[in-house]
Amino acid sequence: MRACRRAGELDPQFALAWAYLGQLSASLYGYGFDGSALAASARAIAEAVRLQPDLPEAHLARAFYLRQNNATP
């Protein structure tokens, strides 16, 4: 988690770091470790998709987010 945050700080255009941060944040929420992590997940995933719309990991992170949020696309 820290590594993804640090990567995003060092290179804000690093879409893969944002995607992984989004997926990890959704995991923290889903497993009950951080009730506020879902909002952070959504922001990170949105940034990843904005930076690189065709990045498969960004779409995987979004699917993971939707699953944790019990939502459908």
Protein backbone atom coordinates (compact mmCIF):
# COMPACT_ATOMS: atom_id res chain seq x y z
CA MET A 1 0.00 0.00 0.00
CA ARG A 2 2.75 2.43 0.96
CA ALA A 3 4.68 1.52 -2.17
CA CYS A 4 1.69 2.34 -4.40
CA ARG A 5 1.12 5.65 -2.65
CA ARG A 6 4.80 6.52 -2.93
CA ALA A 7 4.85 5.58 -6.62
CA GLY A 8 1.89 7.88 -7.22
CA GLU A 9 3.66 10.70 -5.38
CA LEU A 10 6.86 10.23 -7.37
CA ASP A 11 5.08 9.91 -10.70
CA PRO A 12 1.46 11.11 -10.69
CA GLN A 13 1.09 9.82 -14.27
CA PHE A 14 1.83 6.19 -13.22
CA ALA A 15 -1.59 4.68 -13.93
CA LEU A 16 -0.64 1.19 -12.76
CA ALA A 17 0.21 2.50 -9.29
CA TRP A 18 -3.19 4.19 -9.07
CA ALA A 19 -4.93 0.98 -10.21
CA TYR A 20 -3.14 -1.12 -7.60
CA LEU A 21 -3.82 1.46 -4.92
CA GLY A 22 -7.51 1.35 -5.83
CA GLN A 23 -7.64 -2.42 -5.66
CA LEU A 24 -5.77 -2.54 -2.36
CA SER A 25 -8.03 0.11 -0.86
CA ALA A 26 -11.10 -1.87 -1.92
CA SER A 27 -9.57 -4.95 -0.26
CA LEU A 28 -9.04 -3.07 3.00
CA TYR A 29 -12.68 -2.05 2.92
CA GLY A 30 -13.95 -5.49 1.92
CA TYR A 31 -12.07 -7.27 4.69
CA GLY A 32 -13.26 -4.77 7.27
CA PHE A 33 -9.92 -3.11 8.01
CA ASP A 34 -10.81 0.41 6.88
CA GLY A 35 -14.38 1.62 6.53
CA SER A 36 -13.30 4.77 4.69
CA ALA A 37 -11.13 3.00 2.12
CA LEU A 38 -13.91 2.55 -0.44
CA ALA A 39 -13.98 6.26 -1.29
CA ALA A 40 -10.18 6.29 -1.65
CA SER A 41 -10.46 3.25 -3.88
CA ALA A 42 -12.93 4.97 -6.20
CA ARG A 43 -10.70 8.04 -6.50
CA ALA A 44 -7.58 6.01 -7.25
CA ILE A 45 -9.34 3.87 -9.85
CA ALA A 46 -10.86 6.91 -11.54
CA GLU A 47 -7.39 8.43 -11.79
CA ALA A 48 -5.96 5.21 -13.27
CA VAL A 49 -8.71 5.05 -15.90
CA ARG A 50 -8.30 8.74 -16.70
CA LEU A 51 -4.56 8.35 -17.20
CA GLN A 52 -4.71 5.14 -19.19
CA PRO A 53 -8.23 4.11 -20.26
CA ASP A 54 -7.06 0.84 -21.82
CA LEU A 55 -5.09 -0.41 -18.79
CA PRO A 56 -6.43 -3.88 -17.92
CA GLU A 57 -5.40 -3.56 -14.26
CA ALA A 58 -7.51 -0.41 -13.92
CA HIS A 59 -10.58 -2.27 -15.11
CA LEU A 60 -9.78 -5.22 -12.86
CA ALA A 61 -9.49 -2.81 -9.93
CA ARG A 62 -12.85 -1.29 -10.87
CA ALA A 63 -14.47 -4.73 -10.95
CA PHE A 64 -12.96 -5.48 -7.55
CA TYR A 65 -14.28 -2.15 -6.23
CA LEU A 66 -17.77 -2.90 -7.55
CA ARG A 67 -17.69 -6.32 -5.93
CA GLN A 68 -16.68 -4.89 -2.57
CA ASN A 69 -19.39 -2.25 -2.90
CA ASN A 70 -22.00 -4.87 -3.90
CA ALA A 71 -22.68 -2.85 -7.03
CA THR A 72 -23.07 -3.63 -10.69
CA PRO A 73 -21.58 -1.62 -13.57
